[in-house]
Amino acid sequence: MGVNRRVMNWVGVLVWSCALTACVVPRSGDNPVHTFVLAMDEAVSGASPRTGPAGVHGVLVLGVPQAEAGFEQPRMAYLRRPYEVNYYATNVWVDTPPRMLAPLLLQSLERTSAWRVVVPMPTAARGDYRLDISGLVLQQEFLQRPSGTRIRLRAQLTEMKEQRIMGARSFDSFEPAPSEDAYGGVLAANRAVTRVLESLNDWISSCLRGAGKDAC
């Protein structure tokens, strides 16, 4: 009976202390979640305009981009040491990296005027060519100062009539961040994705021109 009374006394003390201090417990409002979008940096793309190969090359079917393991979620990834992926607690992308990349890729391809139409998957259209993106990585790296954001992906271009793989290539772009935080990483990501898409279009252009085996 005495033990129970002592327990009740301790509970009473805790309740009273909580009332006096307003039980300062972290609330969701104290650490709001910041949501960011991946977008092409017009300052970068405008500085070095790209043009497609001469002529229009029919219908291009755009496959659904696929991410590397660990990057198929909206959580923003960063590295403080090699091979160890971490995620921001209160900073997230508006969608997964593959789903954010898809409309940017479509927009970039259409800008070249190299295609009669670009059709994203899923579609019943067979198309004349197909472009597949895999191994997408989007991460901020604190391995040096300033930090920066890296975007890496692998592209494969296929000629559909003969089911012939014209070429496959990996693309990698690293852009320094203007500040050592998630927002700085976002700004760097937007520049990096712009440069990757420009390089991708240059490569596709070389493939379509048949500029030698090494070009594609």
N, C-alpha and C. Protein backbone atom coordinates (compact mmCIF):
# COMPACT_ATOMS: atom_id res chain seq x y z
N MET A 1 0.84 -1.20 0.00
CA MET A 1 0.00 0.00 0.00
C MET A 1 0.86 1.23 0.00
N GLY A 2 1.97 1.21 0.81
CA GLY A 2 2.87 2.34 0.85
C GLY A 2 3.54 2.59 -0.48
N VAL A 3 3.88 1.50 -1.22
CA VAL A 3 4.51 1.62 -2.52
C VAL A 3 3.58 2.31 -3.50
N ASN A 4 2.32 1.89 -3.48
CA ASN A 4 1.34 2.50 -4.38
C ASN A 4 1.19 3.99 -4.10
N ARG A 5 1.21 4.35 -2.82
CA ARG A 5 1.07 5.77 -2.47
C ARG A 5 2.25 6.56 -2.97
N ARG A 6 3.48 5.98 -2.84
CA ARG A 6 4.65 6.70 -3.31
C ARG A 6 4.60 6.89 -4.84
N VAL A 7 4.14 5.83 -5.56
CA VAL A 7 4.00 5.93 -7.02
C VAL A 7 3.04 7.04 -7.39
N MET A 8 1.90 7.08 -6.71
CA MET A 8 0.91 8.11 -7.00
C MET A 8 1.47 9.50 -6.71
N ASN A 9 2.28 9.61 -5.64
CA ASN A 9 2.89 10.91 -5.33
C ASN A 9 3.82 11.35 -6.45
N TRP A 10 4.62 10.40 -6.99
CA TRP A 10 5.53 10.74 -8.09
C TRP A 10 4.77 11.15 -9.34
N VAL A 11 3.68 10.44 -9.62
CA VAL A 11 2.83 10.81 -10.77
C VAL A 11 2.30 12.21 -10.60
N GLY A 12 1.88 12.52 -9.38
CA GLY A 12 1.36 13.85 -9.11
C GLY A 12 2.40 14.92 -9.32
N VAL A 13 3.64 14.65 -8.88
CA VAL A 13 4.73 15.61 -9.08
C VAL A 13 4.99 15.83 -10.56
N LEU A 14 5.01 14.75 -11.36
CA LEU A 14 5.26 14.86 -12.79
C LEU A 14 4.17 15.66 -13.49
N VAL A 15 2.92 15.40 -13.12
CA VAL A 15 1.80 16.14 -13.72
C VAL A 15 1.90 17.61 -13.38
N TRP A 16 2.23 17.92 -12.14
CA TRP A 16 2.35 19.31 -11.70
C TRP A 16 3.50 20.01 -12.42
N SER A 17 4.64 19.31 -12.58
CA SER A 17 5.78 19.87 -13.28
C SER A 17 5.43 20.15 -14.74
N CYS A 18 4.67 19.22 -15.30
CA CYS A 18 4.27 19.38 -16.70
C CYS A 18 3.39 20.61 -16.85
N ALA A 19 2.52 20.82 -15.91
CA ALA A 19 1.62 21.98 -15.97
C ALA A 19 2.41 23.27 -15.86
N LEU A 20 3.44 23.29 -15.00
CA LEU A 20 4.23 24.51 -14.81
C LEU A 20 5.07 24.84 -16.04
N THR A 21 5.62 23.81 -16.68
CA THR A 21 6.52 24.05 -17.82
C THR A 21 5.81 23.96 -19.16
N ALA A 22 4.51 23.71 -19.14
CA ALA A 22 3.71 23.54 -20.36
C ALA A 22 4.20 22.35 -21.16
N CYS A 23 4.91 21.42 -20.50
CA CYS A 23 5.39 20.20 -21.15
C CYS A 23 5.96 20.49 -22.52
N VAL A 24 7.08 21.16 -22.55
CA VAL A 24 7.69 21.56 -23.81
C VAL A 24 8.13 20.33 -24.58
N VAL A 25 7.30 19.89 -25.52
CA VAL A 25 7.56 18.75 -26.37
C VAL A 25 7.60 19.23 -27.81
N PRO A 26 8.55 18.79 -28.62
CA PRO A 26 8.60 19.23 -30.01
C PRO A 26 7.29 18.94 -30.73
N ARG A 27 6.78 19.96 -31.43
CA ARG A 27 5.56 19.80 -32.20
C ARG A 27 5.89 19.91 -33.67
N SER A 28 4.98 19.40 -34.48
CA SER A 28 5.23 19.43 -35.92
C SER A 28 5.43 20.83 -36.43
N GLY A 29 4.78 21.81 -35.78
CA GLY A 29 4.91 23.20 -36.21
C GLY A 29 6.29 23.77 -35.93
N ASP A 30 7.01 23.17 -34.98
CA ASP A 30 8.33 23.68 -34.63
C ASP A 30 9.37 23.33 -35.70
N ASN A 31 9.14 22.25 -36.44
CA ASN A 31 10.04 21.81 -37.49
C ASN A 31 9.25 21.55 -38.77
N PRO A 32 8.82 22.62 -39.43
CA PRO A 32 7.99 22.44 -40.63
C PRO A 32 8.77 21.75 -41.73
N VAL A 33 8.06 20.99 -42.52
CA VAL A 33 8.66 20.28 -43.65
C VAL A 33 8.75 21.23 -44.84
N HIS A 34 9.92 21.31 -45.45
CA HIS A 34 10.13 22.14 -46.64
C HIS A 34 10.12 21.24 -47.87
N THR A 35 9.30 21.58 -48.84
CA THR A 35 9.14 20.77 -50.04
C THR A 35 9.68 21.51 -51.24
N PHE A 36 10.52 20.84 -52.04
CA PHE A 36 11.20 21.48 -53.16
C PHE A 36 10.90 20.77 -54.47
N VAL A 37 11.03 21.52 -55.56
CA VAL A 37 10.81 20.96 -56.89
C VAL A 37 12.13 20.94 -57.67
N LEU A 38 12.24 19.98 -58.54
CA LEU A 38 13.36 19.91 -59.47
C LEU A 38 12.91 20.57 -60.76
N ALA A 39 13.70 21.52 -61.25
CA ALA A 39 13.31 22.27 -62.45
C ALA A 39 14.56 22.64 -63.24
N MET A 40 14.38 22.87 -64.53
CA MET A 40 15.50 23.31 -65.35
C MET A 40 15.82 24.77 -65.02
N ASP A 41 17.10 25.07 -64.95
CA ASP A 41 17.58 26.42 -64.68
C ASP A 41 17.67 27.16 -66.00
N GLU A 42 16.75 28.10 -66.21
CA GLU A 42 16.69 28.81 -67.49
C GLU A 42 17.94 29.65 -67.73
N ALA A 43 18.59 30.10 -66.67
CA ALA A 43 19.82 30.88 -66.84
C ALA A 43 20.92 30.02 -67.46
N VAL A 44 20.93 28.73 -67.10
CA VAL A 44 21.93 27.82 -67.65
C VAL A 44 21.57 27.42 -69.07
N SER A 45 20.31 27.02 -69.29
CA SER A 45 19.91 26.56 -70.61
C SER A 45 19.89 27.69 -71.62
N GLY A 46 19.59 28.91 -71.17
CA GLY A 46 19.56 30.05 -72.08
C GLY A 46 20.94 30.47 -72.51
N ALA A 47 21.94 30.17 -71.65
CA ALA A 47 23.31 30.60 -71.97
C ALA A 47 23.93 29.74 -73.05
N SER A 48 23.46 28.51 -73.21
CA SER A 48 24.04 27.61 -74.21
C SER A 48 22.93 26.84 -74.90
N PRO A 49 22.19 27.49 -75.81
CA PRO A 49 21.06 26.83 -76.47
C PRO A 49 21.51 25.63 -77.29
N ARG A 50 20.67 24.61 -77.32
CA ARG A 50 20.94 23.40 -78.07
C ARG A 50 19.99 23.31 -79.25
N THR A 51 20.47 22.79 -80.35
CA THR A 51 19.63 22.56 -81.51
C THR A 51 19.73 21.10 -81.89
N GLY A 52 18.66 20.58 -82.42
CA GLY A 52 18.64 19.18 -82.80
C GLY A 52 19.27 18.96 -84.15
N PRO A 53 19.40 17.71 -84.56
CA PRO A 53 19.96 17.39 -85.86
C PRO A 53 19.03 17.84 -86.97
N ALA A 54 19.56 18.00 -88.17
CA ALA A 54 18.76 18.44 -89.29
C ALA A 54 17.65 17.43 -89.55
N GLY A 55 16.46 17.94 -89.84
CA GLY A 55 15.34 17.07 -90.13
C GLY A 55 14.59 16.64 -88.89
N VAL A 56 13.44 16.00 -89.13
CA VAL A 56 12.60 15.50 -88.05
C VAL A 56 12.65 13.98 -88.09
N HIS A 57 12.85 13.37 -86.93
CA HIS A 57 13.13 11.94 -86.87
C HIS A 57 11.97 11.11 -86.34
N GLY A 58 10.77 11.48 -86.69
CA GLY A 58 9.62 10.65 -86.36
C GLY A 58 9.19 10.73 -84.91
N VAL A 59 8.72 9.60 -84.39
CA VAL A 59 8.13 9.53 -83.06
C VAL A 59 9.13 8.91 -82.08
N LEU A 60 9.34 9.60 -80.99
CA LEU A 60 10.22 9.09 -79.93
C LEU A 60 9.36 8.68 -78.74
N VAL A 61 9.48 7.44 -78.33
CA VAL A 61 8.79 6.95 -77.14
C VAL A 61 9.75 7.08 -75.96
N LEU A 62 9.27 7.72 -74.92
CA LEU A 62 10.10 7.98 -73.74
C LEU A 62 9.70 7.04 -72.62
N GLY A 63 10.61 6.13 -72.27
CA GLY A 63 10.33 5.19 -71.19
C GLY A 63 10.26 5.88 -69.84
N VAL A 64 9.64 5.21 -68.88
CA VAL A 64 9.54 5.74 -67.52
C VAL A 64 10.92 5.69 -66.87
N PRO A 65 11.48 6.83 -66.44
CA PRO A 65 12.81 6.81 -65.81
C PRO A 65 12.84 5.92 -64.57
N GLN A 66 13.96 5.24 -64.40
CA GLN A 66 14.14 4.34 -63.26
C GLN A 66 15.30 4.83 -62.39
N ALA A 67 15.12 4.77 -61.09
CA ALA A 67 16.13 5.26 -60.14
C ALA A 67 17.02 4.14 -59.64
N GLU A 68 18.20 4.53 -59.22
CA GLU A 68 19.08 3.62 -58.48
C GLU A 68 18.44 3.33 -57.14
N ALA A 69 18.74 2.18 -56.56
CA ALA A 69 18.20 1.82 -55.25
C ALA A 69 18.54 2.91 -54.23
N GLY A 70 17.53 3.32 -53.46
CA GLY A 70 17.71 4.35 -52.45
C GLY A 70 17.30 5.73 -52.93
N PHE A 71 17.03 5.87 -54.23
CA PHE A 71 16.67 7.18 -54.78
C PHE A 71 15.31 7.15 -55.46
N GLU A 72 14.48 6.16 -55.07
CA GLU A 72 13.15 6.04 -55.64
C GLU A 72 12.09 6.58 -54.68
N GLN A 73 12.48 7.53 -53.83
CA GLN A 73 11.59 8.11 -52.83
C GLN A 73 11.77 9.62 -52.80
N PRO A 74 10.79 10.37 -52.27
CA PRO A 74 10.89 11.83 -52.24
C PRO A 74 11.91 12.39 -51.25
N ARG A 75 12.38 11.59 -50.32
CA ARG A 75 13.33 12.08 -49.31
C ARG A 75 14.61 12.57 -50.00
N MET A 76 15.11 13.72 -49.56
CA MET A 76 16.31 14.31 -50.15
C MET A 76 17.55 13.64 -49.60
N ALA A 77 18.35 13.09 -50.48
CA ALA A 77 19.53 12.33 -50.07
C ALA A 77 20.77 13.21 -50.04
N TYR A 78 21.67 12.91 -49.10
CA TYR A 78 22.96 13.61 -49.05
C TYR A 78 24.03 12.66 -48.52
N LEU A 79 25.28 12.99 -48.86
CA LEU A 79 26.44 12.20 -48.42
C LEU A 79 27.38 13.08 -47.62
N ARG A 80 27.85 12.56 -46.48
CA ARG A 80 28.92 13.22 -45.73
C ARG A 80 30.21 12.44 -45.83
N ARG A 81 30.11 11.18 -46.22
CA ARG A 81 31.28 10.38 -46.52
C ARG A 81 30.88 9.38 -47.61
N PRO A 82 31.84 8.91 -48.38
CA PRO A 82 31.52 8.04 -49.51
C PRO A 82 30.73 6.81 -49.10
N TYR A 83 29.76 6.44 -49.94
CA TYR A 83 29.00 5.20 -49.84
C TYR A 83 27.95 5.19 -48.73
N GLU A 84 27.83 6.28 -47.98
CA GLU A 84 26.83 6.32 -46.90
C GLU A 84 25.77 7.37 -47.23
N VAL A 85 24.58 6.90 -47.57
CA VAL A 85 23.49 7.79 -47.96
C VAL A 85 22.67 8.16 -46.73
N ASN A 86 22.46 9.46 -46.53
CA ASN A 86 21.61 9.98 -45.47
C ASN A 86 20.46 10.75 -46.11
N TYR A 87 19.44 11.05 -45.29
CA TYR A 87 18.29 11.78 -45.79
C TYR A 87 17.96 12.93 -44.85
N TYR A 88 17.61 14.08 -45.42
CA TYR A 88 17.18 15.20 -44.60
C TYR A 88 15.89 14.83 -43.87
N ALA A 89 15.73 15.35 -42.66
CA ALA A 89 14.55 15.04 -41.85
C ALA A 89 13.35 15.89 -42.23
N THR A 90 13.58 17.16 -42.54
CA THR A 90 12.46 18.08 -42.79
C THR A 90 12.54 18.74 -44.16
N ASN A 91 13.34 18.18 -45.06
CA ASN A 91 13.43 18.70 -46.42
C ASN A 91 13.18 17.54 -47.39
N VAL A 92 12.19 17.70 -48.24
CA VAL A 92 11.82 16.61 -49.15
C VAL A 92 11.56 17.18 -50.55
N TRP A 93 11.68 16.31 -51.55
CA TRP A 93 11.26 16.66 -52.90
C TRP A 93 9.75 16.55 -53.00
N VAL A 94 9.17 17.26 -53.93
CA VAL A 94 7.72 17.22 -54.12
C VAL A 94 7.28 15.86 -54.64
N ASP A 95 8.19 15.12 -55.26
CA ASP A 95 7.90 13.78 -55.78
C ASP A 95 9.21 13.01 -55.85
N THR A 96 9.17 11.78 -56.30
CA THR A 96 10.40 11.00 -56.43
C THR A 96 11.26 11.57 -57.56
N PRO A 97 12.58 11.41 -57.51
CA PRO A 97 13.43 11.91 -58.59
C PRO A 97 13.03 11.43 -59.99
N PRO A 98 12.68 10.14 -60.19
CA PRO A 98 12.27 9.73 -61.54
C PRO A 98 11.02 10.46 -62.03
N ARG A 99 10.04 10.65 -61.15
CA ARG A 99 8.80 11.31 -61.55
C ARG A 99 9.01 12.80 -61.79
N MET A 100 9.97 13.42 -61.09
CA MET A 100 10.28 14.82 -61.35
C MET A 100 11.06 14.98 -62.65
N LEU A 101 11.93 14.00 -62.94
CA LEU A 101 12.75 14.08 -64.14
C LEU A 101 11.93 13.91 -65.41
N ALA A 102 10.91 13.06 -65.38
CA ALA A 102 10.16 12.70 -66.58
C ALA A 102 9.63 13.92 -67.35
N PRO A 103 8.91 14.87 -66.74
CA PRO A 103 8.43 16.02 -67.51
C PRO A 103 9.55 16.94 -67.98
N LEU A 104 10.64 17.02 -67.22
CA LEU A 104 11.78 17.84 -67.65
C LEU A 104 12.44 17.23 -68.87
N LEU A 105 12.56 15.93 -68.87
CA LEU A 105 13.14 15.22 -70.00
C LEU A 105 12.27 15.41 -71.24
N LEU A 106 10.97 15.29 -71.07
CA LEU A 106 10.03 15.50 -72.18
C LEU A 106 10.16 16.91 -72.73
N GLN A 107 10.17 17.89 -71.85
CA GLN A 107 10.31 19.29 -72.27
C GLN A 107 11.62 19.53 -73.01
N SER A 108 12.69 18.96 -72.49
CA SER A 108 14.00 19.15 -73.11
C SER A 108 14.06 18.54 -74.51
N LEU A 109 13.50 17.36 -74.67
CA LEU A 109 13.50 16.69 -75.96
C LEU A 109 12.65 17.44 -76.98
N GLU A 110 11.54 17.97 -76.54
CA GLU A 110 10.66 18.70 -77.44
C GLU A 110 11.29 20.01 -77.90
N ARG A 111 12.12 20.60 -77.07
CA ARG A 111 12.77 21.86 -77.42
C ARG A 111 13.72 21.73 -78.61
N THR A 112 14.25 20.55 -78.83
CA THR A 112 15.23 20.38 -79.91
C THR A 112 14.58 20.41 -81.29
N SER A 113 13.27 20.20 -81.35
CA SER A 113 12.55 20.13 -82.63
C SER A 113 13.07 19.00 -83.51
N ALA A 114 13.69 17.99 -82.91
CA ALA A 114 14.22 16.86 -83.67
C ALA A 114 13.17 15.79 -83.90
N TRP A 115 12.03 15.89 -83.19
CA TRP A 115 11.04 14.83 -83.24
C TRP A 115 9.69 15.35 -83.70
N ARG A 116 8.99 14.50 -84.47
CA ARG A 116 7.62 14.86 -84.84
C ARG A 116 6.76 14.94 -83.59
N VAL A 117 7.00 13.99 -82.69
CA VAL A 117 6.31 14.01 -81.40
C VAL A 117 7.11 13.15 -80.43
N VAL A 118 7.08 13.53 -79.16
CA VAL A 118 7.69 12.73 -78.09
C VAL A 118 6.54 12.21 -77.22
N VAL A 119 6.45 10.90 -77.10
CA VAL A 119 5.33 10.27 -76.39
C VAL A 119 5.85 9.55 -75.15
N PRO A 120 5.42 9.98 -73.96
CA PRO A 120 5.87 9.30 -72.74
C PRO A 120 5.11 8.00 -72.52
N MET A 121 5.79 7.04 -71.93
CA MET A 121 5.13 5.81 -71.50
C MET A 121 4.30 6.10 -70.25
N PRO A 122 3.20 5.35 -70.05
CA PRO A 122 2.71 4.24 -70.89
C PRO A 122 1.95 4.76 -72.11
N THR A 123 2.12 4.09 -73.22
CA THR A 123 1.45 4.43 -74.46
C THR A 123 1.35 3.20 -75.35
N ALA A 124 0.34 3.20 -76.22
CA ALA A 124 0.19 2.11 -77.17
C ALA A 124 1.01 2.37 -78.43
N ALA A 125 1.54 3.58 -78.56
CA ALA A 125 2.33 3.93 -79.74
C ALA A 125 3.65 3.16 -79.75
N ARG A 126 3.99 2.64 -80.91
CA ARG A 126 5.24 1.91 -81.03
C ARG A 126 6.40 2.87 -81.20
N GLY A 127 6.22 3.88 -82.02
CA GLY A 127 7.26 4.88 -82.21
C GLY A 127 8.36 4.41 -83.14
N ASP A 128 9.19 5.36 -83.55
CA ASP A 128 10.34 5.06 -84.40
C ASP A 128 11.59 4.80 -83.57
N TYR A 129 11.68 5.49 -82.44
CA TYR A 129 12.82 5.32 -81.53
C TYR A 129 12.27 5.26 -80.11
N ARG A 130 13.10 4.73 -79.22
CA ARG A 130 12.74 4.70 -77.81
C ARG A 130 13.95 5.10 -76.98
N LEU A 131 13.70 5.95 -75.97
CA LEU A 131 14.74 6.38 -75.06
C LEU A 131 14.40 5.89 -73.66
N ASP A 132 15.33 5.16 -73.05
CA ASP A 132 15.14 4.65 -71.69
C ASP A 132 16.20 5.24 -70.77
N ILE A 133 15.76 5.63 -69.59
CA ILE A 133 16.64 6.21 -68.57
C ILE A 133 16.64 5.30 -67.36
N SER A 134 17.81 4.94 -66.88
CA SER A 134 17.92 4.07 -65.71
C SER A 134 19.06 4.57 -64.81
N GLY A 135 19.13 3.98 -63.62
CA GLY A 135 20.24 4.30 -62.71
C GLY A 135 20.28 5.74 -62.24
N LEU A 136 19.11 6.39 -62.13
CA LEU A 136 19.08 7.81 -61.74
C LEU A 136 19.51 7.98 -60.28
N VAL A 137 20.46 8.88 -60.08
CA VAL A 137 20.94 9.25 -58.75
C VAL A 137 20.84 10.76 -58.60
N LEU A 138 20.29 11.21 -57.49
CA LEU A 138 20.18 12.65 -57.19
C LEU A 138 20.55 12.84 -55.73
N GLN A 139 21.73 13.44 -55.47
CA GLN A 139 22.19 13.56 -54.10
C GLN A 139 23.06 14.80 -53.92
N GLN A 140 22.95 15.40 -52.74
CA GLN A 140 23.84 16.49 -52.35
C GLN A 140 25.05 15.87 -51.66
N GLU A 141 26.24 16.36 -52.01
CA GLU A 141 27.46 15.77 -51.47
C GLU A 141 28.23 16.81 -50.65
N PHE A 142 28.49 16.45 -49.38
CA PHE A 142 29.28 17.28 -48.48
C PHE A 142 30.68 16.69 -48.33
N LEU A 143 31.21 16.16 -49.40
CA LEU A 143 32.53 15.55 -49.37
C LEU A 143 33.63 16.59 -49.58
N GLN A 144 33.25 17.81 -49.91
CA GLN A 144 34.18 18.91 -50.12
C GLN A 144 33.41 20.21 -49.85
N ARG A 145 34.14 21.31 -49.82
CA ARG A 145 33.50 22.61 -49.66
C ARG A 145 33.87 23.50 -50.85
N PRO A 146 32.87 24.15 -51.47
CA PRO A 146 31.46 24.03 -51.10
C PRO A 146 30.89 22.67 -51.47
N SER A 147 29.78 22.35 -50.83
CA SER A 147 29.09 21.12 -51.18
C SER A 147 28.50 21.28 -52.59
N GLY A 148 27.93 20.22 -53.09
CA GLY A 148 27.33 20.31 -54.42
C GLY A 148 26.34 19.18 -54.61
N THR A 149 25.62 19.26 -55.71
CA THR A 149 24.63 18.22 -56.01
C THR A 149 25.04 17.48 -57.27
N ARG A 150 24.92 16.17 -57.21
CA ARG A 150 25.26 15.32 -58.34
C ARG A 150 24.00 14.65 -58.90
N ILE A 151 23.90 14.66 -60.21
CA ILE A 151 22.87 13.90 -60.91
C ILE A 151 23.57 12.96 -61.87
N ARG A 152 23.21 11.70 -61.78
CA ARG A 152 23.81 10.68 -62.63
C ARG A 152 22.70 9.80 -63.20
N LEU A 153 22.82 9.44 -64.47
CA LEU A 153 21.84 8.56 -65.10
C LEU A 153 22.48 7.85 -66.28
N ARG A 154 21.81 6.81 -66.75
CA ARG A 154 22.25 6.07 -67.93
C ARG A 154 21.13 6.10 -68.96
N ALA A 155 21.47 6.41 -70.20
CA ALA A 155 20.49 6.51 -71.28
C ALA A 155 20.76 5.43 -72.33
N GLN A 156 19.68 4.90 -72.89
CA GLN A 156 19.79 3.94 -73.99
C GLN A 156 18.82 4.33 -75.08
N LEU A 157 19.32 4.46 -76.31
CA LEU A 157 18.50 4.84 -77.46
C LEU A 157 18.35 3.61 -78.36
N THR A 158 17.09 3.29 -78.68
CA THR A 158 16.80 2.10 -79.48
C THR A 158 16.02 2.49 -80.73
N GLU A 159 16.43 1.95 -81.86
CA GLU A 159 15.67 2.09 -83.11
C GLU A 159 14.66 0.96 -83.14
N MET A 160 13.35 1.31 -83.20
CA MET A 160 12.31 0.34 -82.92
C MET A 160 12.01 -0.60 -84.07
N LYS A 161 12.15 -0.16 -85.31
CA LYS A 161 11.78 -1.01 -86.44
C LYS A 161 12.61 -2.28 -86.47
N GLU A 162 13.90 -2.13 -86.28
CA GLU A 162 14.80 -3.29 -86.29
C GLU A 162 15.14 -3.77 -84.88
N GLN A 163 14.55 -3.11 -83.86
CA GLN A 163 14.88 -3.44 -82.47
C GLN A 163 16.39 -3.41 -82.25
N ARG A 164 16.99 -2.32 -82.75
CA ARG A 164 18.44 -2.19 -82.70
C ARG A 164 18.83 -1.12 -81.68
N ILE A 165 19.67 -1.50 -80.73
CA ILE A 165 20.18 -0.52 -79.76
C ILE A 165 21.24 0.33 -80.46
N MET A 166 20.93 1.60 -80.63
CA MET A 166 21.86 2.50 -81.31
C MET A 166 23.04 2.86 -80.42
N GLY A 167 22.77 2.97 -79.13
CA GLY A 167 23.85 3.31 -78.21
C GLY A 167 23.35 3.45 -76.79
N ALA A 168 24.28 3.44 -75.86
CA ALA A 168 23.98 3.63 -74.44
C ALA A 168 25.13 4.41 -73.83
N ARG A 169 24.80 5.32 -72.94
CA ARG A 169 25.86 6.14 -72.33
C ARG A 169 25.41 6.62 -70.94
N SER A 170 26.39 6.77 -70.05
CA SER A 170 26.14 7.32 -68.72
C SER A 170 26.46 8.81 -68.72
N PHE A 171 25.66 9.56 -67.98
CA PHE A 171 25.83 11.00 -67.86
C PHE A 171 25.93 11.37 -66.39
N ASP A 172 26.81 12.31 -66.09
CA ASP A 172 27.07 12.70 -64.71
C ASP A 172 27.35 14.19 -64.67
N SER A 173 26.64 14.88 -63.80
CA SER A 173 26.88 16.33 -63.65
C SER A 173 26.92 16.68 -62.17
N PHE A 174 27.94 17.45 -61.78
CA PHE A 174 28.08 17.90 -60.39
C PHE A 174 28.15 19.43 -60.41
N GLU A 175 27.27 20.07 -59.62
CA GLU A 175 27.23 21.52 -59.55
C GLU A 175 27.43 21.98 -58.11
N PRO A 176 28.34 22.95 -57.88
CA PRO A 176 28.54 23.47 -56.52
C PRO A 176 27.28 24.13 -55.99
N ALA A 177 27.06 24.02 -54.69
CA ALA A 177 25.90 24.63 -54.05
C ALA A 177 26.25 26.03 -53.56
N PRO A 178 25.35 27.01 -53.71
CA PRO A 178 25.62 28.36 -53.23
C PRO A 178 25.55 28.51 -51.72
N SER A 179 24.98 27.51 -51.03
CA SER A 179 24.92 27.54 -49.57
C SER A 179 24.96 26.11 -49.04
N GLU A 180 25.43 25.96 -47.81
CA GLU A 180 25.63 24.64 -47.23
C GLU A 180 24.37 24.13 -46.54
N ASP A 181 23.29 24.07 -47.28
CA ASP A 181 22.03 23.58 -46.73
C ASP A 181 21.22 22.94 -47.84
N ALA A 182 20.03 22.48 -47.49
CA ALA A 182 19.20 21.77 -48.47
C ALA A 182 18.81 22.69 -49.63
N TYR A 183 18.50 23.95 -49.35
CA TYR A 183 18.09 24.85 -50.43
C TYR A 183 19.24 25.10 -51.41
N GLY A 184 20.44 25.22 -50.87
CA GLY A 184 21.61 25.35 -51.75
C GLY A 184 21.75 24.11 -52.63
N GLY A 185 21.45 22.93 -52.06
CA GLY A 185 21.50 21.71 -52.83
C GLY A 185 20.46 21.68 -53.93
N VAL A 186 19.29 22.24 -53.67
CA VAL A 186 18.23 22.29 -54.67
C VAL A 186 18.64 23.18 -55.84
N LEU A 187 19.19 24.35 -55.55
CA LEU A 187 19.64 25.24 -56.62
C LEU A 187 20.71 24.58 -57.48
N ALA A 188 21.62 23.86 -56.82
CA ALA A 188 22.65 23.15 -57.56
C ALA A 188 22.05 22.02 -58.38
N ALA A 189 21.04 21.35 -57.83
CA ALA A 189 20.38 20.26 -58.55
C ALA A 189 19.72 20.75 -59.83
N ASN A 190 19.11 21.92 -59.77
CA ASN A 190 18.45 22.46 -60.95
C ASN A 190 19.46 22.80 -62.06
N ARG A 191 20.64 23.27 -61.66
CA ARG A 191 21.67 23.52 -62.67
C ARG A 191 22.20 22.19 -63.22
N ALA A 192 22.39 21.23 -62.33
CA ALA A 192 22.95 19.94 -62.75
C ALA A 192 22.02 19.21 -63.71
N VAL A 193 20.72 19.21 -63.42
CA VAL A 193 19.78 18.50 -64.29
C VAL A 193 19.71 19.19 -65.65
N THR A 194 19.85 20.51 -65.68
CA THR A 194 19.84 21.23 -66.95
C THR A 194 21.02 20.82 -67.81
N ARG A 195 22.18 20.73 -67.20
CA ARG A 195 23.39 20.36 -67.95
C ARG A 195 23.33 18.90 -68.41
N VAL A 196 22.80 18.03 -67.57
CA VAL A 196 22.67 16.62 -67.97
C VAL A 196 21.75 16.48 -69.17
N LEU A 197 20.63 17.18 -69.14
CA LEU A 197 19.67 17.07 -70.24
C LEU A 197 20.24 17.65 -71.53
N GLU A 198 21.02 18.71 -71.42
CA GLU A 198 21.67 19.27 -72.61
C GLU A 198 22.68 18.28 -73.20
N SER A 199 23.47 17.67 -72.32
CA SER A 199 24.44 16.68 -72.78
C SER A 199 23.74 15.47 -73.40
N LEU A 200 22.63 15.09 -72.83
CA LEU A 200 21.85 13.96 -73.35
C LEU A 200 21.35 14.27 -74.76
N ASN A 201 20.84 15.47 -74.97
CA ASN A 201 20.34 15.84 -76.29
C ASN A 201 21.48 15.92 -77.31
N ASP A 202 22.63 16.40 -76.89
CA ASP A 202 23.79 16.43 -77.80
C ASP A 202 24.17 15.00 -78.22
N TRP A 203 24.14 14.09 -77.28
CA TRP A 203 24.47 12.69 -77.57
C TRP A 203 23.46 12.07 -78.53
N ILE A 204 22.17 12.30 -78.27
CA ILE A 204 21.13 11.78 -79.16
C ILE A 204 21.29 12.33 -80.56
N SER A 205 21.62 13.61 -80.64
CA SER A 205 21.84 14.25 -81.94
C SER A 205 22.97 13.56 -82.70
N SER A 206 24.05 13.24 -81.99
CA SER A 206 25.17 12.53 -82.63
C SER A 206 24.76 11.15 -83.11
N CYS A 207 23.95 10.47 -82.30
CA CYS A 207 23.47 9.14 -82.69
C CYS A 207 22.64 9.21 -83.97
N LEU A 208 21.76 10.19 -84.04
CA LEU A 208 20.88 10.31 -85.20
C LEU A 208 21.61 10.73 -86.45
N ARG A 209 22.69 11.47 -86.30
CA ARG A 209 23.48 11.87 -87.45
C ARG A 209 24.39 10.75 -87.93
N GLY A 210 24.53 9.70 -87.09
CA GLY A 210 25.42 8.60 -87.44
C GLY A 210 26.86 9.06 -87.49
N ALA A 211 27.23 9.85 -86.49
CA ALA A 211 28.57 10.46 -86.49
C ALA A 211 29.63 9.53 -85.97
N GLY A 212 29.56 8.29 -86.36
CA GLY A 212 30.64 7.37 -85.95
C GLY A 212 30.23 6.55 -84.75
N LYS A 213 30.87 5.40 -84.62
CA LYS A 213 30.54 4.47 -83.52
C LYS A 213 30.80 5.07 -82.16
N ASP A 214 31.86 5.86 -82.01
CA ASP A 214 32.22 6.41 -80.71
C ASP A 214 31.24 7.50 -80.26
N ALA A 215 30.46 8.06 -81.19
CA ALA A 215 29.56 9.16 -80.85
C ALA A 215 28.28 8.64 -80.20
N CYS A 216 28.02 7.36 -80.31
CA CYS A 216 26.75 6.85 -79.79
C CYS A 216 26.99 5.58 -78.96
